[in-house]
Amino acid sequence: MARPDTAKTFTAPASATVTLVEPIARESGPIETLTLRKPKAGELRGLNLQALVTADVNAVLTVLPRICDPFLTDPEVAALSAEDLAEVGGTIAGFFMSPAQKAAVAQMLGG
């Protein structure tokens, strides 16, 4: 007898765009937005998932160059403003949240 599928599934977005408060200066012109991809298993190597979900600074700084377009160097990532780092960290954490979790966060923030 077939067992009914009781697991709830959700689809997190495959990518998200973050507009930087403080653009990154490059010779080719400023970088004002970053497109972040949902990380794949190999890009999470050496990281603790809980650290990413809680937007731990070291975890965010490590994974960001692996999932970011345009590619950022380690010094560029380390030079992000606190506001931009918080936005990027929240976006990355969002890749791991279910719709119900996102709705609960939005409600807590008054959104």
PDB file of N, CA and C in Angstrom:
ATOM      1  N   MET A   1       0.836  -1.163   0.000  1.00  0.00           N
ATOM      2  CA  MET A   1       0.000   0.000   0.000  1.00  0.00           C
ATOM      3  C   MET A   1       0.891   1.239   0.000  1.00  0.00           C
ATOM      4  N   ALA A   2       0.561   2.164  -0.862  1.00  0.00           N
ATOM      5  CA  ALA A   2       1.359   3.382  -0.985  1.00  0.00           C
ATOM      6  C   ALA A   2       1.116   4.302   0.204  1.00  0.00           C
ATOM      7  N   ARG A   3       2.169   4.839   0.691  1.00  0.00           N
ATOM      8  CA  ARG A   3       2.082   5.774   1.811  1.00  0.00           C
ATOM      9  C   ARG A   3       1.851   7.185   1.272  1.00  0.00           C
ATOM     10  N   PRO A   4       0.868   7.893   1.799  1.00  0.00           N
ATOM     11  CA  PRO A   4       0.648   9.247   1.303  1.00  0.00           C
ATOM     12  C   PRO A   4       1.834  10.140   1.649  1.00  0.00           C
ATOM     13  N   ASP A   5       2.144  11.019   0.740  1.00  0.00           N
ATOM     14  CA  ASP A   5       3.249  11.944   0.965  1.00  0.00           C
ATOM     15  C   ASP A   5       2.785  13.039   1.916  1.00  0.00           C
ATOM     16  N   THR A   6       3.324  13.006   3.117  1.00  0.00           N
ATOM     17  CA  THR A   6       2.909  13.985   4.122  1.00  0.00           C
ATOM     18  C   THR A   6       3.919  15.114   4.284  1.00  0.00           C
ATOM     19  N   ALA A   7       5.042  15.006   3.596  1.00  0.00           N
ATOM     20  CA  ALA A   7       6.061  16.050   3.724  1.00  0.00           C
ATOM     21  C   ALA A   7       5.614  17.306   2.989  1.00  0.00           C
ATOM     22  N   LYS A   8       5.793  18.431   3.635  1.00  0.00           N
ATOM     23  CA  LYS A   8       5.479  19.702   3.000  1.00  0.00           C
ATOM     24  C   LYS A   8       6.699  20.134   2.198  1.00  0.00           C
ATOM     25  N   THR A   9       6.462  20.544   0.993  1.00  0.00           N
ATOM     26  CA  THR A   9       7.568  20.993   0.165  1.00  0.00           C
ATOM     27  C   THR A   9       7.406  22.470  -0.132  1.00  0.00           C
ATOM     28  N   PHE A  10       8.513  23.112  -0.388  1.00  0.00           N
ATOM     29  CA  PHE A  10       8.477  24.513  -0.770  1.00  0.00           C
ATOM     30  C   PHE A  10       9.600  24.757  -1.754  1.00  0.00           C
ATOM     31  N   THR A  11       9.472  25.807  -2.493  1.00  0.00           N
ATOM     32  CA  THR A  11      10.494  26.180  -3.443  1.00  0.00           C
ATOM     33  C   THR A  11      11.008  27.563  -3.079  1.00  0.00           C
ATOM     34  N   ALA A  12      12.241  27.607  -2.672  1.00  0.00           N
ATOM     35  CA  ALA A  12      12.863  28.900  -2.395  1.00  0.00           C
ATOM     36  C   ALA A  12      13.285  29.502  -3.729  1.00  0.00           C
ATOM     37  N   PRO A  13      13.354  30.815  -3.818  1.00  0.00           N
ATOM     38  CA  PRO A  13      13.757  31.421  -5.083  1.00  0.00           C
ATOM     39  C   PRO A  13      15.168  30.982  -5.456  1.00  0.00           C
ATOM     40  N   ALA A  14      15.417  30.867  -6.758  1.00  0.00           N
ATOM     41  CA  ALA A  14      16.725  30.435  -7.230  1.00  0.00           C
ATOM     42  C   ALA A  14      17.743  31.564  -7.175  1.00  0.00           C
ATOM     43  N   SER A  15      17.267  32.808  -7.198  1.00  0.00           N
ATOM     44  CA  SER A  15      18.179  33.943  -7.112  1.00  0.00           C
ATOM     45  C   SER A  15      17.446  35.154  -6.562  1.00  0.00           C
ATOM     46  N   ALA A  16      18.220  36.125  -6.124  1.00  0.00           N
ATOM     47  CA  ALA A  16      17.659  37.372  -5.602  1.00  0.00           C
ATOM     48  C   ALA A  16      18.651  38.491  -5.883  1.00  0.00           C
ATOM     49  N   THR A  17      18.129  39.681  -6.091  1.00  0.00           N
ATOM     50  CA  THR A  17      18.973  40.841  -6.357  1.00  0.00           C
ATOM     51  C   THR A  17      18.994  41.751  -5.138  1.00  0.00           C
ATOM     52  N   VAL A  18      20.184  42.186  -4.779  1.00  0.00           N
ATOM     53  CA  VAL A  18      20.378  43.100  -3.653  1.00  0.00           C
ATOM     54  C   VAL A  18      20.938  44.408  -4.205  1.00  0.00           C
ATOM     55  N   THR A  19      20.280  45.508  -3.886  1.00  0.00           N
ATOM     56  CA  THR A  19      20.784  46.831  -4.258  1.00  0.00           C
ATOM     57  C   THR A  19      21.650  47.339  -3.114  1.00  0.00           C
ATOM     58  N   LEU A  20      22.881  47.675  -3.434  1.00  0.00           N
ATOM     59  CA  LEU A  20      23.830  48.091  -2.409  1.00  0.00           C
ATOM     60  C   LEU A  20      23.612  49.545  -1.998  1.00  0.00           C
ATOM     61  N   VAL A  21      23.684  49.806  -0.713  1.00  0.00           N
ATOM     62  CA  VAL A  21      23.613  51.169  -0.188  1.00  0.00           C
ATOM     63  C   VAL A  21      24.896  51.911  -0.565  1.00  0.00           C
ATOM     64  N   GLU A  22      26.019  51.209  -0.441  1.00  0.00           N
ATOM     65  CA  GLU A  22      27.320  51.761  -0.810  1.00  0.00           C
ATOM     66  C   GLU A  22      27.891  50.919  -1.946  1.00  0.00           C
ATOM     67  N   PRO A  23      27.759  51.396  -3.201  1.00  0.00           N
ATOM     68  CA  PRO A  23      28.266  50.627  -4.339  1.00  0.00           C
ATOM     69  C   PRO A  23      29.758  50.317  -4.204  1.00  0.00           C
ATOM     70  N   ILE A  24      30.161  49.227  -4.833  1.00  0.00           N
ATOM     71  CA  ILE A  24      31.556  48.800  -4.832  1.00  0.00           C
ATOM     72  C   ILE A  24      32.250  49.476  -6.006  1.00  0.00           C
ATOM     73  N   ALA A  25      33.358  50.163  -5.735  1.00  0.00           N
ATOM     74  CA  ALA A  25      34.086  50.881  -6.786  1.00  0.00           C
ATOM     75  C   ALA A  25      35.007  49.923  -7.535  1.00  0.00           C
ATOM     76  N   ARG A  26      34.902  49.976  -8.867  1.00  0.00           N
ATOM     77  CA  ARG A  26      35.797  49.231  -9.748  1.00  0.00           C
ATOM     78  C   ARG A  26      36.190  50.147 -10.895  1.00  0.00           C
ATOM     79  N   GLU A  27      37.321  49.842 -11.522  1.00  0.00           N
ATOM     80  CA  GLU A  27      37.756  50.647 -12.664  1.00  0.00           C
ATOM     81  C   GLU A  27      36.717  50.647 -13.770  1.00  0.00           C
ATOM     82  N   SER A  28      36.048  49.538 -13.952  1.00  0.00           N
ATOM     83  CA  SER A  28      35.048  49.413 -15.017  1.00  0.00           C
ATOM     84  C   SER A  28      33.737  50.111 -14.678  1.00  0.00           C
ATOM     85  N   GLY A  29      33.633  50.633 -13.473  1.00  0.00           N
ATOM     86  CA  GLY A  29      32.414  51.310 -13.041  1.00  0.00           C
ATOM     87  C   GLY A  29      31.899  50.715 -11.750  1.00  0.00           C
ATOM     88  N   PRO A  30      31.059  51.456 -11.040  1.00  0.00           N
ATOM     89  CA  PRO A  30      30.580  50.975  -9.743  1.00  0.00           C
ATOM     90  C   PRO A  30      29.635  49.783  -9.874  1.00  0.00           C
ATOM     91  N   ILE A  31      29.706  48.900  -8.892  1.00  0.00           N
ATOM     92  CA  ILE A  31      28.769  47.779  -8.801  1.00  0.00           C
ATOM     93  C   ILE A  31      27.692  48.210  -7.825  1.00  0.00           C
ATOM     94  N   GLU A  32      26.476  48.374  -8.326  1.00  0.00           N
ATOM     95  CA  GLU A  32      25.372  48.873  -7.505  1.00  0.00           C
ATOM     96  C   GLU A  32      24.415  47.781  -7.058  1.00  0.00           C
ATOM     97  N   THR A  33      24.402  46.659  -7.782  1.00  0.00           N
ATOM     98  CA  THR A  33      23.528  45.542  -7.418  1.00  0.00           C
ATOM     99  C   THR A  33      24.307  44.234  -7.486  1.00  0.00           C
ATOM    100  N   LEU A  34      23.894  43.301  -6.665  1.00  0.00           N
ATOM    101  CA  LEU A  34      24.449  41.952  -6.677  1.00  0.00           C
ATOM    102  C   LEU A  34      23.309  40.973  -6.898  1.00  0.00           C
ATOM    103  N   THR A  35      23.537  39.992  -7.738  1.00  0.00           N
ATOM    104  CA  THR A  35      22.579  38.909  -7.905  1.00  0.00           C
ATOM    105  C   THR A  35      23.142  37.698  -7.177  1.00  0.00           C
ATOM    106  N   LEU A  36      22.380  37.222  -6.210  1.00  0.00           N
ATOM    107  CA  LEU A  36      22.805  36.078  -5.410  1.00  0.00           C
ATOM    108  C   LEU A  36      22.021  34.849  -5.832  1.00  0.00           C
ATOM    109  N   ARG A  37      22.740  33.749  -6.068  1.00  0.00           N
ATOM    110  CA  ARG A  37      22.117  32.469  -6.396  1.00  0.00           C
ATOM    111  C   ARG A  37      21.924  31.654  -5.140  1.00  0.00           C
ATOM    112  N   LYS A  38      20.876  30.858  -5.143  1.00  0.00           N
ATOM    113  CA  LYS A  38      20.690  29.891  -4.059  1.00  0.00           C
ATOM    114  C   LYS A  38      21.899  28.954  -4.080  1.00  0.00           C
ATOM    115  N   PRO A  39      22.605  28.792  -2.954  1.00  0.00           N
ATOM    116  CA  PRO A  39      23.814  27.965  -2.947  1.00  0.00           C
ATOM    117  C   PRO A  39      23.521  26.495  -3.223  1.00  0.00           C
ATOM    118  N   LYS A  40      24.474  25.868  -3.900  1.00  0.00           N
ATOM    119  CA  LYS A  40      24.425  24.423  -4.126  1.00  0.00           C
ATOM    120  C   LYS A  40      25.343  23.763  -3.092  1.00  0.00           C
ATOM    121  N   ALA A  41      25.232  22.467  -2.974  1.00  0.00           N
ATOM    122  CA  ALA A  41      25.953  21.733  -1.927  1.00  0.00           C
ATOM    123  C   ALA A  41      27.451  22.027  -1.927  1.00  0.00           C
ATOM    124  N   GLY A  42      28.084  22.011  -3.076  1.00  0.00           N
ATOM    125  CA  GLY A  42      29.526  22.246  -3.142  1.00  0.00           C
ATOM    126  C   GLY A  42      29.926  23.632  -2.681  1.00  0.00           C
ATOM    127  N   GLU A  43      29.046  24.595  -2.884  1.00  0.00           N
ATOM    128  CA  GLU A  43      29.333  25.973  -2.475  1.00  0.00           C
ATOM    129  C   GLU A  43      29.195  26.155  -0.965  1.00  0.00           C
ATOM    130  N   LEU A  44      28.585  25.178  -0.320  1.00  0.00           N
ATOM    131  CA  LEU A  44      28.409  25.225   1.132  1.00  0.00           C
ATOM    132  C   LEU A  44      29.504  24.458   1.869  1.00  0.00           C
ATOM    133  N   ARG A  45      30.426  23.877   1.110  1.00  0.00           N
ATOM    134  CA  ARG A  45      31.492  23.070   1.707  1.00  0.00           C
ATOM    135  C   ARG A  45      32.251  23.881   2.753  1.00  0.00           C
ATOM    136  N   GLY A  46      32.448  23.276   3.912  1.00  0.00           N
ATOM    137  CA  GLY A  46      33.193  23.917   4.985  1.00  0.00           C
ATOM    138  C   GLY A  46      32.378  24.879   5.826  1.00  0.00           C
ATOM    139  N   LEU A  47      31.093  25.005   5.524  1.00  0.00           N
ATOM    140  CA  LEU A  47      30.236  25.932   6.262  1.00  0.00           C
ATOM    141  C   LEU A  47      29.206  25.178   7.083  1.00  0.00           C
ATOM    142  N   ASN A  48      28.730  25.808   8.108  1.00  0.00           N
ATOM    143  CA  ASN A  48      27.664  25.278   8.945  1.00  0.00           C
ATOM    144  C   ASN A  48      26.356  25.908   8.470  1.00  0.00           C
ATOM    145  N   LEU A  49      25.374  25.102   8.091  1.00  0.00           N
ATOM    146  CA  LEU A  49      24.106  25.643   7.593  1.00  0.00           C
ATOM    147  C   LEU A  49      23.434  26.549   8.612  1.00  0.00           C
ATOM    148  N   GLN A  50      23.512  26.190   9.874  1.00  0.00           N
ATOM    149  CA  GLN A  50      22.910  27.030  10.909  1.00  0.00           C
ATOM    150  C   GLN A  50      23.546  28.417  10.919  1.00  0.00           C
ATOM    151  N   ALA A  51      24.847  28.472  10.667  1.00  0.00           N
ATOM    152  CA  ALA A  51      25.535  29.766  10.625  1.00  0.00           C
ATOM    153  C   ALA A  51      25.002  30.625   9.482  1.00  0.00           C
ATOM    154  N   LEU A  52      24.702  30.007   8.343  1.00  0.00           N
ATOM    155  CA  LEU A  52      24.135  30.769   7.224  1.00  0.00           C
ATOM    156  C   LEU A  52      22.716  31.217   7.518  1.00  0.00           C
ATOM    157  N   VAL A  53      21.939  30.345   8.131  1.00  0.00           N
ATOM    158  CA  VAL A  53      20.548  30.680   8.447  1.00  0.00           C
ATOM    159  C   VAL A  53      20.480  31.850   9.425  1.00  0.00           C
ATOM    160  N   THR A  54      21.455  31.945  10.319  1.00  0.00           N
ATOM    161  CA  THR A  54      21.477  33.052  11.274  1.00  0.00           C
ATOM    162  C   THR A  54      22.328  34.220  10.773  1.00  0.00           C
ATOM    163  N   ALA A  55      22.768  34.148   9.514  1.00  0.00           N
ATOM    164  CA  ALA A  55      23.550  35.212   8.867  1.00  0.00           C
ATOM    165  C   ALA A  55      24.833  35.531   9.631  1.00  0.00           C
ATOM    166  N   ASP A  56      25.506  34.489  10.117  1.00  0.00           N
ATOM    167  CA  ASP A  56      26.798  34.650  10.772  1.00  0.00           C
ATOM    168  C   ASP A  56      27.756  35.351   9.813  1.00  0.00           C
ATOM    169  N   VAL A  57      28.447  36.372  10.281  1.00  0.00           N
ATOM    170  CA  VAL A  57      29.294  37.195   9.418  1.00  0.00           C
ATOM    171  C   VAL A  57      30.335  36.356   8.687  1.00  0.00           C
ATOM    172  N   ASN A  58      31.058  35.497   9.388  1.00  0.00           N
ATOM    173  CA  ASN A  58      32.093  34.689   8.733  1.00  0.00           C
ATOM    174  C   ASN A  58      31.507  33.782   7.661  1.00  0.00           C
ATOM    175  N   ALA A  59      30.365  33.181   7.928  1.00  0.00           N
ATOM    176  CA  ALA A  59      29.728  32.301   6.946  1.00  0.00           C
ATOM    177  C   ALA A  59      29.289  33.095   5.719  1.00  0.00           C
ATOM    178  N   VAL A  60      28.709  34.273   5.936  1.00  0.00           N
ATOM    179  CA  VAL A  60      28.267  35.111   4.814  1.00  0.00           C
ATOM    180  C   VAL A  60      29.466  35.557   3.986  1.00  0.00           C
ATOM    181  N   LEU A  61      30.537  36.006   4.645  1.00  0.00           N
ATOM    182  CA  LEU A  61      31.735  36.446   3.923  1.00  0.00           C
ATOM    183  C   LEU A  61      32.365  35.310   3.127  1.00  0.00           C
ATOM    184  N   THR A  62      32.241  34.083   3.618  1.00  0.00           N
ATOM    185  CA  THR A  62      32.808  32.926   2.922  1.00  0.00           C
ATOM    186  C   THR A  62      31.980  32.526   1.712  1.00  0.00           C
ATOM    187  N   VAL A  63      30.663  32.476   1.859  1.00  0.00           N
ATOM    188  CA  VAL A  63      29.821  31.968   0.777  1.00  0.00           C
ATOM    189  C   VAL A  63      29.539  33.025  -0.296  1.00  0.00           C
ATOM    190  N   LEU A  64      29.560  34.296   0.058  1.00  0.00           N
ATOM    191  CA  LEU A  64      29.170  35.334  -0.899  1.00  0.00           C
ATOM    192  C   LEU A  64      29.936  35.285  -2.219  1.00  0.00           C
ATOM    193  N   PRO A  65      31.274  35.216  -2.226  1.00  0.00           N
ATOM    194  CA  PRO A  65      31.958  35.159  -3.524  1.00  0.00           C
ATOM    195  C   PRO A  65      31.604  33.917  -4.349  1.00  0.00           C
ATOM    196  N   ARG A  66      31.131  32.881  -3.706  1.00  0.00           N
ATOM    197  CA  ARG A  66      30.789  31.635  -4.395  1.00  0.00           C
ATOM    198  C   ARG A  66      29.447  31.708  -5.114  1.00  0.00           C
ATOM    199  N   ILE A  67      28.567  32.625  -4.694  1.00  0.00           N
ATOM    200  CA  ILE A  67      27.197  32.641  -5.231  1.00  0.00           C
ATOM    201  C   ILE A  67      26.806  33.992  -5.823  1.00  0.00           C
ATOM    202  N   CYS A  68      27.755  34.872  -6.001  1.00  0.00           N
ATOM    203  CA  CYS A  68      27.471  36.258  -6.357  1.00  0.00           C
ATOM    204  C   CYS A  68      27.792  36.550  -7.822  1.00  0.00           C
ATOM    205  N   ASP A  69      26.950  37.361  -8.449  1.00  0.00           N
ATOM    206  CA  ASP A  69      27.217  37.878  -9.789  1.00  0.00           C
ATOM    207  C   ASP A  69      26.977  39.379  -9.747  1.00  0.00           C
ATOM    208  N   PRO A  70      27.936  40.193 -10.080  1.00  0.00           N
ATOM    209  CA  PRO A  70      29.262  39.823 -10.564  1.00  0.00           C
ATOM    210  C   PRO A  70      30.120  39.226  -9.447  1.00  0.00           C
ATOM    211  N   PHE A  71      31.158  38.522  -9.865  1.00  0.00           N
ATOM    212  CA  PHE A  71      32.073  37.917  -8.904  1.00  0.00           C
ATOM    213  C   PHE A  71      32.724  39.014  -8.076  1.00  0.00           C
ATOM    214  N   LEU A  72      32.812  38.800  -6.772  1.00  0.00           N
ATOM    215  CA  LEU A  72      33.499  39.725  -5.880  1.00  0.00           C
ATOM    216  C   LEU A  72      34.738  39.055  -5.307  1.00  0.00           C
ATOM    217  N   THR A  73      35.797  39.840  -5.172  1.00  0.00           N
ATOM    218  CA  THR A  73      37.012  39.332  -4.541  1.00  0.00           C
ATOM    219  C   THR A  73      36.827  39.344  -3.023  1.00  0.00           C
ATOM    220  N   ASP A  74      37.683  38.615  -2.327  1.00  0.00           N
ATOM    221  CA  ASP A  74      37.611  38.604  -0.861  1.00  0.00           C
ATOM    222  C   ASP A  74      37.760  40.009  -0.270  1.00  0.00           C
ATOM    223  N   PRO A  75      38.711  40.834  -0.766  1.00  0.00           N
ATOM    224  CA  PRO A  75      38.804  42.196  -0.221  1.00  0.00           C
ATOM    225  C   PRO A  75      37.544  43.034  -0.482  1.00  0.00           C
ATOM    226  N   GLU A  76      36.896  42.846  -1.622  1.00  0.00           N
ATOM    227  CA  GLU A  76      35.656  43.580  -1.901  1.00  0.00           C
ATOM    228  C   GLU A  76      34.548  43.151  -0.944  1.00  0.00           C
ATOM    229  N   VAL A  77      34.467  41.856  -0.694  1.00  0.00           N
ATOM    230  CA  VAL A  77      33.450  41.347   0.230  1.00  0.00           C
ATOM    231  C   VAL A  77      33.717  41.879   1.639  1.00  0.00           C
ATOM    232  N   ALA A  78      34.974  41.865   2.053  1.00  0.00           N
ATOM    233  CA  ALA A  78      35.327  42.332   3.393  1.00  0.00           C
ATOM    234  C   ALA A  78      35.075  43.831   3.565  1.00  0.00           C
ATOM    235  N   ALA A  79      35.039  44.578   2.461  1.00  0.00           N
ATOM    236  CA  ALA A  79      34.836  46.026   2.529  1.00  0.00           C
ATOM    237  C   ALA A  79      33.363  46.435   2.441  1.00  0.00           C
ATOM    238  N   LEU A  80      32.438  45.479   2.358  1.00  0.00           N
ATOM    239  CA  LEU A  80      31.015  45.831   2.310  1.00  0.00           C
ATOM    240  C   LEU A  80      30.618  46.600   3.567  1.00  0.00           C
ATOM    241  N   SER A  81      29.711  47.536   3.403  1.00  0.00           N
ATOM    242  CA  SER A  81      29.204  48.266   4.568  1.00  0.00           C
ATOM    243  C   SER A  81      28.384  47.312   5.435  1.00  0.00           C
ATOM    244  N   ALA A  82      28.206  47.687   6.685  1.00  0.00           N
ATOM    245  CA  ALA A  82      27.414  46.862   7.600  1.00  0.00           C
ATOM    246  C   ALA A  82      25.988  46.705   7.084  1.00  0.00           C
ATOM    247  N   GLU A  83      25.429  47.776   6.515  1.00  0.00           N
ATOM    248  CA  GLU A  83      24.057  47.708   5.981  1.00  0.00           C
ATOM    249  C   GLU A  83      23.967  46.716   4.829  1.00  0.00           C
ATOM    250  N   ASP A  84      24.945  46.786   3.926  1.00  0.00           N
ATOM    251  CA  ASP A  84      24.928  45.878   2.781  1.00  0.00           C
ATOM    252  C   ASP A  84      25.174  44.440   3.215  1.00  0.00           C
ATOM    253  N   LEU A  85      26.076  44.248   4.172  1.00  0.00           N
ATOM    254  CA  LEU A  85      26.330  42.899   4.685  1.00  0.00           C
ATOM    255  C   LEU A  85      25.075  42.318   5.321  1.00  0.00           C
ATOM    256  N   ALA A  86      24.355  43.133   6.077  1.00  0.00           N
ATOM    257  CA  ALA A  86      23.116  42.661   6.709  1.00  0.00           C
ATOM    258  C   ALA A  86      22.078  42.282   5.659  1.00  0.00           C
ATOM    259  N   GLU A  87      21.959  43.072   4.610  1.00  0.00           N
ATOM    260  CA  GLU A  87      20.994  42.778   3.543  1.00  0.00           C
ATOM    261  C   GLU A  87      21.372  41.494   2.810  1.00  0.00           C
ATOM    262  N   VAL A  88      22.649  41.346   2.499  1.00  0.00           N
ATOM    263  CA  VAL A  88      23.127  40.134   1.828  1.00  0.00           C
ATOM    264  C   VAL A  88      22.910  38.917   2.730  1.00  0.00           C
ATOM    265  N   GLY A  89      23.251  39.043   4.008  1.00  0.00           N
ATOM    266  CA  GLY A  89      23.067  37.932   4.946  1.00  0.00           C
ATOM    267  C   GLY A  89      21.618  37.519   5.065  1.00  0.00           C
ATOM    268  N   GLY A  90      20.728  38.498   5.132  1.00  0.00           N
ATOM    269  CA  GLY A  90      19.298  38.195   5.196  1.00  0.00           C
ATOM    270  C   GLY A  90      18.794  37.519   3.939  1.00  0.00           C
ATOM    271  N   THR A  91      19.322  37.951   2.795  1.00  0.00           N
ATOM    272  CA  THR A  91      18.929  37.340   1.525  1.00  0.00           C
ATOM    273  C   THR A  91      19.385  35.889   1.463  1.00  0.00           C
ATOM    274  N   ILE A  92      20.621  35.647   1.876  1.00  0.00           N
ATOM    275  CA  ILE A  92      21.139  34.272   1.882  1.00  0.00           C
ATOM    276  C   ILE A  92      20.327  33.412   2.845  1.00  0.00           C
ATOM    277  N   ALA A  93      20.049  33.919   4.031  1.00  0.00           N
ATOM    278  CA  ALA A  93      19.237  33.165   4.998  1.00  0.00           C
ATOM    279  C   ALA A  93      17.869  32.849   4.411  1.00  0.00           C
ATOM    280  N   GLY A  94      17.324  33.765   3.628  1.00  0.00           N
ATOM    281  CA  GLY A  94      16.017  33.562   3.004  1.00  0.00           C
ATOM    282  C   GLY A  94      15.970  32.382   2.055  1.00  0.00           C
ATOM    283  N   PHE A  95      17.112  32.031   1.476  1.00  0.00           N
ATOM    284  CA  PHE A  95      17.151  30.867   0.584  1.00  0.00           C
ATOM    285  C   PHE A  95      16.819  29.574   1.330  1.00  0.00           C
ATOM    286  N   PHE A  96      16.960  29.579   2.640  1.00  0.00           N
ATOM    287  CA  PHE A  96      16.750  28.374   3.443  1.00  0.00           C
ATOM    288  C   PHE A  96      15.437  28.395   4.218  1.00  0.00           C
ATOM    289  N   MET A  97      14.621  29.403   4.003  1.00  0.00           N
ATOM    290  CA  MET A  97      13.371  29.548   4.757  1.00  0.00           C
ATOM    291  C   MET A  97      12.173  29.074   3.947  1.00  0.00           C
ATOM    292  N   SER A  98      11.223  28.463   4.631  1.00  0.00           N
ATOM    293  CA  SER A  98       9.970  28.070   3.989  1.00  0.00           C
ATOM    294  C   SER A  98       9.088  29.307   3.853  1.00  0.00           C
ATOM    295  N   PRO A  99       8.060  29.246   3.006  1.00  0.00           N
ATOM    296  CA  PRO A  99       7.144  30.384   2.899  1.00  0.00           C
ATOM    297  C   PRO A  99       6.514  30.763   4.243  1.00  0.00           C
ATOM    298  N   ALA A 100       6.193  29.775   5.074  1.00  0.00           N
ATOM    299  CA  ALA A 100       5.600  30.066   6.384  1.00  0.00           C
ATOM    300  C   ALA A 100       6.589  30.824   7.267  1.00  0.00           C
ATOM    301  N   GLN A 101       7.846  30.436   7.222  1.00  0.00           N
ATOM    302  CA  GLN A 101       8.863  31.133   8.002  1.00  0.00           C
ATOM    303  C   GLN A 101       9.033  32.569   7.508  1.00  0.00           C
ATOM    304  N   LYS A 102       9.041  32.750   6.186  1.00  0.00           N
ATOM    305  CA  LYS A 102       9.162  34.101   5.624  1.00  0.00           C
ATOM    306  C   LYS A 102       7.969  34.962   6.026  1.00  0.00           C
ATOM    307  N   ALA A 103       6.782  34.386   6.009  1.00  0.00           N
ATOM    308  CA  ALA A 103       5.578  35.129   6.401  1.00  0.00           C
ATOM    309  C   ALA A 103       5.650  35.527   7.872  1.00  0.00           C
ATOM    310  N   ALA A 104       6.151  34.633   8.716  1.00  0.00           N
ATOM    311  CA  ALA A 104       6.271  34.942  10.145  1.00  0.00           C
ATOM    312  C   ALA A 104       7.262  36.080  10.373  1.00  0.00           C
ATOM    313  N   VAL A 105       8.369  36.063   9.647  1.00  0.00           N
ATOM    314  CA  VAL A 105       9.353  37.141   9.769  1.00  0.00           C
ATOM    315  C   VAL A 105       8.753  38.455   9.291  1.00  0.00           C
ATOM    316  N   ALA A 106       8.061  38.417   8.159  1.00  0.00           N
ATOM    317  CA  ALA A 106       7.432  39.632   7.632  1.00  0.00           C
ATOM    318  C   ALA A 106       6.419  40.195   8.622  1.00  0.00           C
ATOM    319  N   GLN A 107       5.664  39.318   9.261  1.00  0.00           N
ATOM    320  CA  GLN A 107       4.671  39.763  10.239  1.00  0.00           C
ATOM    321  C   GLN A 107       5.361  40.395  11.450  1.00  0.00           C
ATOM    322  N   MET A 108       6.451  39.795  11.901  1.00  0.00           N
ATOM    323  CA  MET A 108       7.190  40.353  13.033  1.00  0.00           C
ATOM    324  C   MET A 108       7.747  41.736  12.704  1.00  0.00           C
ATOM    325  N   LEU A 109       8.133  41.920  11.436  1.00  0.00           N
ATOM    326  CA  LEU A 109       8.705  43.199  11.019  1.00  0.00           C
ATOM    327  C   LEU A 109       7.637  44.197  10.603  1.00  0.00           C
ATOM    328  N   GLY A 110       6.384  43.777  10.703  1.00  0.00           N
ATOM    329  CA  GLY A 110       5.281  44.681  10.380  1.00  0.00           C
ATOM    330  C   GLY A 110       4.985  44.785   8.903  1.00  0.00           C
ATOM    331  N   GLY A 111       5.438  43.765   8.128  1.00  0.00           N
ATOM    332  CA  GLY A 111       5.232  43.821   6.681  1.00  0.00           C
ATOM    333  C   GLY A 111       4.166  42.948   6.169  1.00  0.00           C
TER     334      GLY A 111
END
